[in-house]
């Protein structure tokens, strides 16, 4: 279940794991780290941050389960 973290904004980092592709790691101010998505490339992960992160964050704030596009 998605935890609502209010108006907090996480720090984002694109990470690569061999055999697992690319993920966006969101570190919340309370120290919790959440892995987001499974992207094919670093470019795709960065594009998601630029284009879709804000919508993802707003969806979480509304108490809904965010979906990746």
Protein backbone atom coordinates (compact mmCIF):
# COMPACT_ATOMS: atom_id res chain seq x y z
CA UNK A 1 0.00 0.00 0.00
CA UNK A 2 1.22 3.49 -0.81
CA UNK A 3 1.95 5.67 2.17
CA UNK A 4 0.88 9.31 1.86
CA UNK A 5 3.85 11.51 2.73
CA UNK A 6 1.97 14.81 2.63
CA UNK A 7 3.75 17.68 0.96
CA UNK A 8 7.21 16.07 1.22
CA UNK A 9 9.27 15.85 -1.96
CA UNK A 10 11.77 13.02 -2.29
CA UNK A 11 15.31 13.29 -3.59
CA UNK A 12 15.56 11.31 -6.84
CA UNK A 13 18.44 9.23 -8.13
CA UNK A 14 18.57 7.09 -11.26
CA UNK A 15 20.15 3.70 -10.51
CA UNK A 16 21.18 0.71 -12.58
CA UNK A 17 21.18 -2.88 -11.39
CA UNK A 18 22.78 -5.49 -13.62
CA UNK A 19 20.08 -7.65 -15.14
CA UNK A 20 17.30 -5.52 -13.65
CA UNK A 21 17.47 -2.39 -15.79
CA UNK A 22 17.14 1.14 -14.52
CA UNK A 23 15.08 2.46 -11.61
CA UNK A 24 14.41 5.81 -10.01
CA UNK A 25 15.17 5.73 -6.29
CA UNK A 26 13.09 8.22 -4.30
CA UNK A 27 14.55 9.03 -0.86
CA UNK A 28 11.93 10.65 1.35
CA UNK A 29 12.88 13.14 4.09
CA UNK A 30 12.22 10.44 6.72
CA UNK A 31 14.94 8.28 5.11
CA UNK A 32 12.61 5.76 3.44
CA UNK A 33 13.80 4.79 -0.07
CA UNK A 34 11.28 3.75 -2.69
CA UNK A 35 12.29 2.21 -6.03
CA UNK A 36 10.12 3.40 -8.89
CA UNK A 37 9.67 1.64 -12.20
CA UNK A 38 11.75 -0.60 -14.37
CA UNK A 39 13.13 1.46 -17.22
CA UNK A 40 15.04 0.17 -20.24
CA UNK A 41 17.66 2.91 -20.13
CA UNK A 42 19.01 5.77 -18.08
CA UNK A 43 17.57 8.18 -20.66
CA UNK A 44 14.09 6.65 -20.24
CA UNK A 45 14.33 6.99 -16.44
CA UNK A 46 15.39 10.64 -16.72
CA UNK A 47 12.59 11.32 -19.21
CA UNK A 48 10.08 9.86 -16.72
CA UNK A 49 11.39 12.22 -14.05
CA UNK A 50 11.10 15.21 -16.38
CA UNK A 51 7.68 14.36 -17.82
CA UNK A 52 5.80 12.20 -15.31
CA UNK A 53 7.24 12.59 -11.82
CA UNK A 54 5.03 15.54 -10.85
CA UNK A 55 1.85 13.64 -11.77
CA UNK A 56 3.12 10.57 -9.88
CA UNK A 57 3.78 12.71 -6.81
CA UNK A 58 0.36 14.41 -6.96
CA UNK A 59 -1.35 11.01 -7.28
CA UNK A 60 0.42 9.84 -4.10
CA UNK A 61 -0.62 13.00 -2.30
CA UNK A 62 -4.23 12.21 -3.19
CA UNK A 63 -3.86 8.83 -1.48
CA UNK A 64 -4.02 6.88 -4.74
CA UNK A 65 -1.66 4.23 -6.09
CA UNK A 66 0.49 5.90 -8.78
CA UNK A 67 0.85 4.14 -12.11
CA UNK A 68 3.80 4.40 -14.45
CA UNK A 69 3.01 5.47 -17.98
